[in-house]
Amino acid sequence: MAVIDTSTTTYTGSTLRPFLNAERIVKRFGEHRAIDDVSLAVGRGEVISVIGPSGAGKSTFLRCLNLLELPDSGALSIGDEEIEFAEGSAPARAQVARLRRQAGMVFQSFNLFPHLTAAQNIELAQKRVLGRSADEARERARSLLDRVGLAAKADAYPSQCSGGQQQRIAIARALAMDPELMLFDEPTSGLDPEVGAEILAVMRELADSGMTMLIATHEMEFARHVSNRVIVMVDGAIVEQGQPEQIMTEPKSPRVGRFLSAVLGR
């Protein structure tokens, strides 16, 4: 795990500009506020686990950070790219594309193209979005497949790969775009524990390499041992955040305490 001085990069009164800064993000679906005035600052290289009960808004918040869901109001910056959101107006498409390029995302479902091989799934966006040549994209794809332990699966189709292998291909595909930030939305959901451990091992390696990461997860031990910080979401809001051990053993909020008692006591 990268060592991050969170005292100067992520909390109120920071002295350095955060790498990711979400300010007062609101996302509505009809009358329902799925994300309710959420602010979060993240330092470069920081690993944050986002935990909370189902329906707390974790996935929607990550999708807002990647702009798969456009916030209704607030502001978002990643690196040097910044967008403000206001009711009744939409940011420029080019501006959204530039910011989205900064953030790779891995979903619960793998979303691989079934008619393409593992390598071709990783090559496609490199050629179409980054303008890489076929040779460059192929070399990068095979290098990343080797990194996630799947060099032998380069020419295999998704149907010929296990669920865990498909998720590792999806991680390699996201990394192929050279993002500055990686977002993981319950990447081990639906996988058996042994296969899930393979995914968590890849994520641990990314954390050790210094990648900035936000991870919506129910993997409490991963959150405890790999994260620099844990944030807890309930009803679309961040209700508590802090060092993993403090959150896990001495939560300040009774609501957080009840949630942790339920998930840690299983």
Protein backbone atom coordinates (compact mmCIF):
# COMPACT_ATOMS: atom_id res chain seq x y z
CA MET A 1 0.00 0.00 0.00
CA ALA A 2 1.31 3.43 -0.88
CA VAL A 3 2.02 5.62 2.14
CA ILE A 4 -0.04 8.79 1.90
CA ASP A 5 0.08 11.79 4.19
CA THR A 6 -3.67 12.31 4.38
CA SER A 7 -3.27 15.14 6.86
CA THR A 8 -2.23 17.47 4.01
CA THR A 9 -4.11 16.11 1.03
CA THR A 10 -7.57 14.95 1.90
CA TYR A 11 -9.22 16.75 4.78
CA THR A 12 -10.54 20.18 5.60
CA GLY A 13 -7.73 22.68 5.80
CA SER A 14 -5.49 20.82 3.34
CA THR A 15 -2.35 22.60 2.22
CA LEU A 16 -2.03 20.78 -1.11
CA ARG A 17 -4.51 20.71 -3.97
CA PRO A 18 -6.18 17.28 -3.94
CA PHE A 19 -5.82 15.14 -7.04
CA LEU A 20 -9.56 14.43 -7.06
CA ASN A 21 -11.98 16.92 -5.58
CA ALA A 22 -15.74 16.44 -5.54
CA GLU A 23 -17.64 19.39 -4.09
CA ARG A 24 -21.28 19.24 -3.02
CA ILE A 25 -22.26 16.63 -5.59
CA VAL A 26 -26.00 16.10 -5.97
CA LYS A 27 -27.61 13.45 -8.18
CA ARG A 28 -31.37 13.02 -8.39
CA PHE A 29 -33.51 10.35 -9.96
CA GLY A 30 -36.91 11.96 -10.06
CA GLU A 31 -37.64 13.23 -6.56
CA HIS A 32 -35.08 10.89 -4.98
CA ARG A 33 -31.68 12.32 -4.06
CA ALA A 34 -29.39 9.35 -4.72
CA ILE A 35 -26.35 11.51 -3.89
CA ASP A 36 -27.06 14.22 -1.39
CA ASP A 37 -24.52 17.06 -1.23
CA VAL A 38 -21.42 14.85 -1.07
CA SER A 39 -17.91 16.32 -0.94
CA LEU A 40 -14.70 14.32 -1.03
CA ALA A 41 -11.05 15.21 -1.60
CA VAL A 42 -8.55 12.53 -2.54
CA GLY A 43 -4.77 12.76 -2.59
CA ARG A 44 -2.70 11.34 -5.44
CA GLY A 45 -1.89 7.70 -4.71
CA GLU A 46 -4.53 7.40 -2.00
CA VAL A 47 -6.63 4.23 -1.76
CA ILE A 48 -10.14 4.78 -0.41
CA SER A 49 -12.70 2.09 0.28
CA VAL A 50 -16.33 3.19 0.10
CA ILE A 51 -18.53 1.02 2.32
CA GLY A 52 -22.14 1.12 3.45
CA PRO A 53 -25.43 -0.77 3.19
CA SER A 54 -26.97 -1.69 -0.14
CA GLY A 55 -28.73 1.30 -1.69
CA ALA A 56 -26.48 3.78 0.11
CA GLY A 57 -25.40 5.45 -3.14
CA LYS A 58 -21.90 3.97 -3.45
CA SER A 59 -22.22 2.89 -7.07
CA THR A 60 -24.00 6.07 -8.11
CA PHE A 61 -21.29 8.19 -6.50
CA LEU A 62 -18.56 6.36 -8.42
CA ARG A 63 -20.54 6.74 -11.63
CA CYS A 64 -20.76 10.48 -10.95
CA LEU A 65 -16.98 10.64 -10.52
CA ASN A 66 -16.57 8.92 -13.91
CA LEU A 67 -19.41 11.03 -15.40
CA LEU A 68 -21.37 8.00 -16.50
CA GLU A 69 -24.00 9.82 -14.44
CA LEU A 70 -23.86 13.59 -14.75
CA PRO A 71 -24.40 15.30 -11.39
CA ASP A 72 -27.29 17.73 -11.16
CA SER A 73 -25.15 20.20 -9.24
CA GLY A 74 -21.73 20.54 -7.68
CA ALA A 75 -18.19 20.56 -9.04
CA LEU A 76 -15.67 17.88 -9.89
CA SER A 77 -11.97 18.02 -10.68
CA ILE A 78 -9.49 15.26 -11.49
CA GLY A 79 -5.95 16.44 -12.01
CA ASP A 80 -6.11 19.60 -14.11
CA GLU A 81 -9.60 18.90 -15.50
CA GLU A 82 -12.51 20.59 -13.73
CA ILE A 83 -16.24 20.75 -14.41
CA GLU A 84 -19.02 22.61 -12.63
CA PHE A 85 -22.57 21.31 -12.79
CA ALA A 86 -25.72 23.40 -12.53
CA GLU A 87 -29.43 22.67 -12.69
CA GLY A 88 -30.76 22.86 -16.23
CA SER A 89 -27.42 22.94 -18.05
CA ALA A 90 -25.00 20.30 -19.28
CA PRO A 91 -21.22 20.55 -19.62
CA ALA A 92 -19.62 20.40 -23.06
CA ARG A 93 -19.22 16.89 -24.44
CA ALA A 94 -15.48 17.42 -25.04
CA GLN A 95 -15.03 18.55 -21.44
CA VAL A 96 -16.80 15.42 -20.17
CA ALA A 97 -14.64 13.22 -22.41
CA ARG A 98 -11.42 14.79 -21.15
CA LEU A 99 -12.33 14.30 -17.51
CA ARG A 100 -13.66 10.77 -18.11
CA ARG A 101 -10.33 9.85 -19.68
CA GLN A 102 -8.71 10.44 -16.29
CA ALA A 103 -10.82 7.77 -14.54
CA GLY A 104 -10.89 4.09 -15.43
CA MET A 105 -13.80 2.11 -14.07
CA VAL A 106 -14.35 -1.58 -13.34
CA PHE A 107 -17.94 -2.70 -12.84
CA GLN A 108 -19.67 -5.58 -11.08
CA SER A 109 -20.50 -7.03 -14.48
CA PHE A 110 -17.55 -7.47 -16.79
CA ASN A 111 -19.10 -5.84 -19.89
CA LEU A 112 -16.68 -7.56 -22.27
CA PHE A 113 -17.56 -7.85 -25.96
CA PRO A 114 -18.36 -11.55 -26.43
CA HIS A 115 -17.27 -11.62 -30.09
CA LEU A 116 -13.79 -10.27 -29.32
CA THR A 117 -10.86 -12.08 -27.73
CA ALA A 118 -9.40 -10.92 -24.42
CA ALA A 119 -6.64 -9.04 -26.24
CA GLN A 120 -9.07 -7.49 -28.73
CA ASN A 121 -11.31 -6.27 -25.90
CA ILE A 122 -8.30 -4.42 -24.49
CA GLU A 123 -7.08 -3.14 -27.86
CA LEU A 124 -10.35 -1.65 -29.12
CA ALA A 125 -10.62 1.58 -27.07
CA GLN A 126 -6.88 2.17 -27.34
CA LYS A 127 -7.20 2.40 -31.11
CA ARG A 128 -10.51 4.29 -31.23
CA VAL A 129 -10.00 6.72 -28.34
CA LEU A 130 -6.24 7.05 -27.91
CA GLY A 131 -5.37 6.66 -31.59
CA ARG A 132 -2.79 3.98 -30.99
CA SER A 133 -1.66 1.82 -33.88
CA ALA A 134 -2.72 -1.82 -34.02
CA ASP A 135 0.79 -2.90 -33.04
CA GLU A 136 0.96 -0.47 -30.11
CA ALA A 137 -2.47 -1.50 -28.84
CA ARG A 138 -1.65 -5.19 -29.19
CA GLU A 139 1.64 -4.83 -27.30
CA ARG A 140 -0.02 -2.88 -24.50
CA ALA A 141 -2.87 -5.40 -24.26
CA ARG A 142 -0.55 -8.38 -23.97
CA SER A 143 1.63 -6.59 -21.42
CA LEU A 144 -1.40 -5.88 -19.24
CA LEU A 145 -2.75 -9.41 -19.59
CA ASP A 146 0.61 -10.62 -18.33
CA ARG A 147 0.38 -8.15 -15.44
CA VAL A 148 -2.98 -9.58 -14.33
CA GLY A 149 -1.77 -13.16 -14.77
CA LEU A 150 -3.61 -13.95 -17.99
CA ALA A 151 -0.97 -13.92 -20.71
CA ALA A 152 -2.13 -17.36 -21.83
CA LYS A 153 -5.69 -16.09 -22.36
CA ALA A 154 -4.88 -13.38 -24.92
CA ASP A 155 -6.63 -15.21 -27.76
CA ALA A 156 -9.47 -16.65 -25.67
CA TYR A 157 -13.04 -15.35 -25.93
CA PRO A 158 -14.94 -14.28 -22.79
CA SER A 159 -17.05 -17.44 -22.91
CA GLN A 160 -13.83 -19.43 -22.60
CA CYS A 161 -12.82 -17.57 -19.42
CA SER A 162 -14.04 -17.92 -15.84
CA GLY A 163 -15.78 -15.05 -14.07
CA GLY A 164 -12.59 -14.13 -12.24
CA GLN A 165 -10.60 -14.17 -15.46
CA GLN A 166 -13.15 -11.96 -17.18
CA GLN A 167 -12.94 -9.46 -14.34
CA ARG A 168 -9.15 -9.39 -14.60
CA ILE A 169 -9.49 -8.78 -18.35
CA ALA A 170 -11.84 -5.88 -17.53
CA ILE A 171 -9.23 -4.44 -15.15
CA ALA A 172 -6.57 -4.73 -17.86
CA ARG A 173 -8.93 -3.01 -20.33
CA ALA A 174 -9.39 -0.07 -17.95
CA LEU A 175 -5.65 0.19 -17.32
CA ALA A 176 -4.94 0.20 -21.05
CA MET A 177 -6.36 3.73 -21.24
CA ASP A 178 -3.64 4.94 -18.84
CA PRO A 179 -6.03 6.46 -16.28
CA GLU A 180 -4.79 8.56 -13.39
CA LEU A 181 -7.59 7.20 -11.19
CA MET A 182 -9.20 3.76 -10.93
CA LEU A 183 -12.77 3.28 -9.72
CA PHE A 184 -13.96 -0.18 -8.70
CA ASP A 185 -17.68 -0.87 -8.21
CA GLU A 186 -18.04 -4.06 -6.16
CA PRO A 187 -15.55 -5.91 -8.42
CA THR A 188 -15.84 -9.20 -6.49
CA SER A 189 -19.65 -9.22 -6.29
CA GLY A 190 -21.09 -12.55 -7.41
CA LEU A 191 -17.71 -14.30 -7.48
CA ASP A 192 -16.88 -17.15 -5.13
CA PRO A 193 -14.33 -16.33 -2.39
CA GLU A 194 -11.38 -18.03 -4.09
CA VAL A 195 -11.98 -16.24 -7.37
CA GLY A 196 -12.64 -12.97 -5.54
CA ALA A 197 -9.24 -13.32 -3.87
CA GLU A 198 -7.63 -13.30 -7.33
CA ILE A 199 -9.26 -9.96 -8.10
CA LEU A 200 -8.29 -8.49 -4.74
CA ALA A 201 -4.68 -9.57 -5.32
CA VAL A 202 -4.59 -7.60 -8.58
CA MET A 203 -6.09 -4.58 -6.82
CA ARG A 204 -3.56 -4.86 -4.00
CA GLU A 205 -0.76 -4.80 -6.58
CA LEU A 206 -2.25 -1.66 -8.12
CA ALA A 207 -2.43 -0.03 -4.67
CA ASP A 208 1.20 -0.94 -4.01
CA SER A 209 2.18 0.63 -7.35
CA GLY A 210 0.77 3.99 -6.25
CA MET A 211 -2.44 4.05 -8.29
CA THR A 212 -5.12 6.38 -6.93
CA MET A 213 -8.16 4.19 -6.25
CA LEU A 214 -11.74 4.42 -4.98
CA ILE A 215 -13.36 1.07 -4.29
CA ALA A 216 -16.99 0.45 -3.46
CA THR A 217 -16.79 -2.84 -1.61
CA HIS A 218 -18.24 -5.22 0.95
CA GLU A 219 -14.78 -6.81 1.41
CA MET A 220 -14.14 -5.52 4.91
CA GLU A 221 -10.73 -7.15 5.37
CA PHE A 222 -9.52 -5.66 2.10
CA ALA A 223 -10.82 -2.25 3.19
CA ARG A 224 -9.09 -2.62 6.55
CA HIS A 225 -5.67 -3.68 5.28
CA VAL A 226 -5.25 -1.99 1.88
CA SER A 227 -7.07 1.35 2.22
CA ASN A 228 -5.52 4.57 3.43
CA ARG A 229 -9.00 5.73 4.34
CA VAL A 230 -12.52 4.34 4.61
CA ILE A 231 -15.62 6.38 3.95
CA VAL A 232 -19.08 5.17 4.95
CA MET A 233 -22.13 6.14 2.91
CA VAL A 234 -25.73 5.91 4.09
CA ASP A 235 -28.76 7.30 2.22
CA GLY A 236 -26.63 9.06 -0.39
CA ALA A 237 -24.38 10.88 2.07
CA ILE A 238 -20.98 10.33 3.66
CA VAL A 239 -21.76 9.83 7.35
CA GLU A 240 -18.27 8.96 8.56
CA GLN A 241 -14.70 8.70 7.29
CA GLY A 242 -11.30 8.02 8.75
CA GLN A 243 -8.46 5.55 9.13
CA PRO A 244 -9.63 1.96 8.49
CA GLU A 245 -8.87 0.62 11.95
CA GLN A 246 -10.63 3.51 13.65
CA ILE A 247 -13.74 3.12 11.49
CA MET A 248 -13.82 -0.66 11.94
CA THR A 249 -13.29 -0.75 15.70
CA GLU A 250 -14.52 2.61 17.06
CA PRO A 251 -17.12 4.12 14.71
CA LYS A 252 -18.53 7.41 15.95
CA SER A 253 -21.97 7.04 14.39
CA PRO A 254 -24.47 4.55 15.86
CA ARG A 255 -25.74 3.90 12.32
CA VAL A 256 -22.23 2.98 11.16
CA GLY A 257 -21.80 0.82 14.25
CA ARG A 258 -24.94 -1.16 13.41
CA PHE A 259 -23.84 -1.66 9.81
CA LEU A 260 -20.36 -2.85 10.80
CA SER A 261 -21.76 -5.18 13.46
CA ALA A 262 -23.91 -6.78 10.79
CA VAL A 263 -21.21 -7.23 8.15
CA LEU A 264 -18.29 -8.06 10.46
CA GLY A 265 -20.36 -10.48 12.48
CA ARG A 266 -21.23 -12.72 9.52
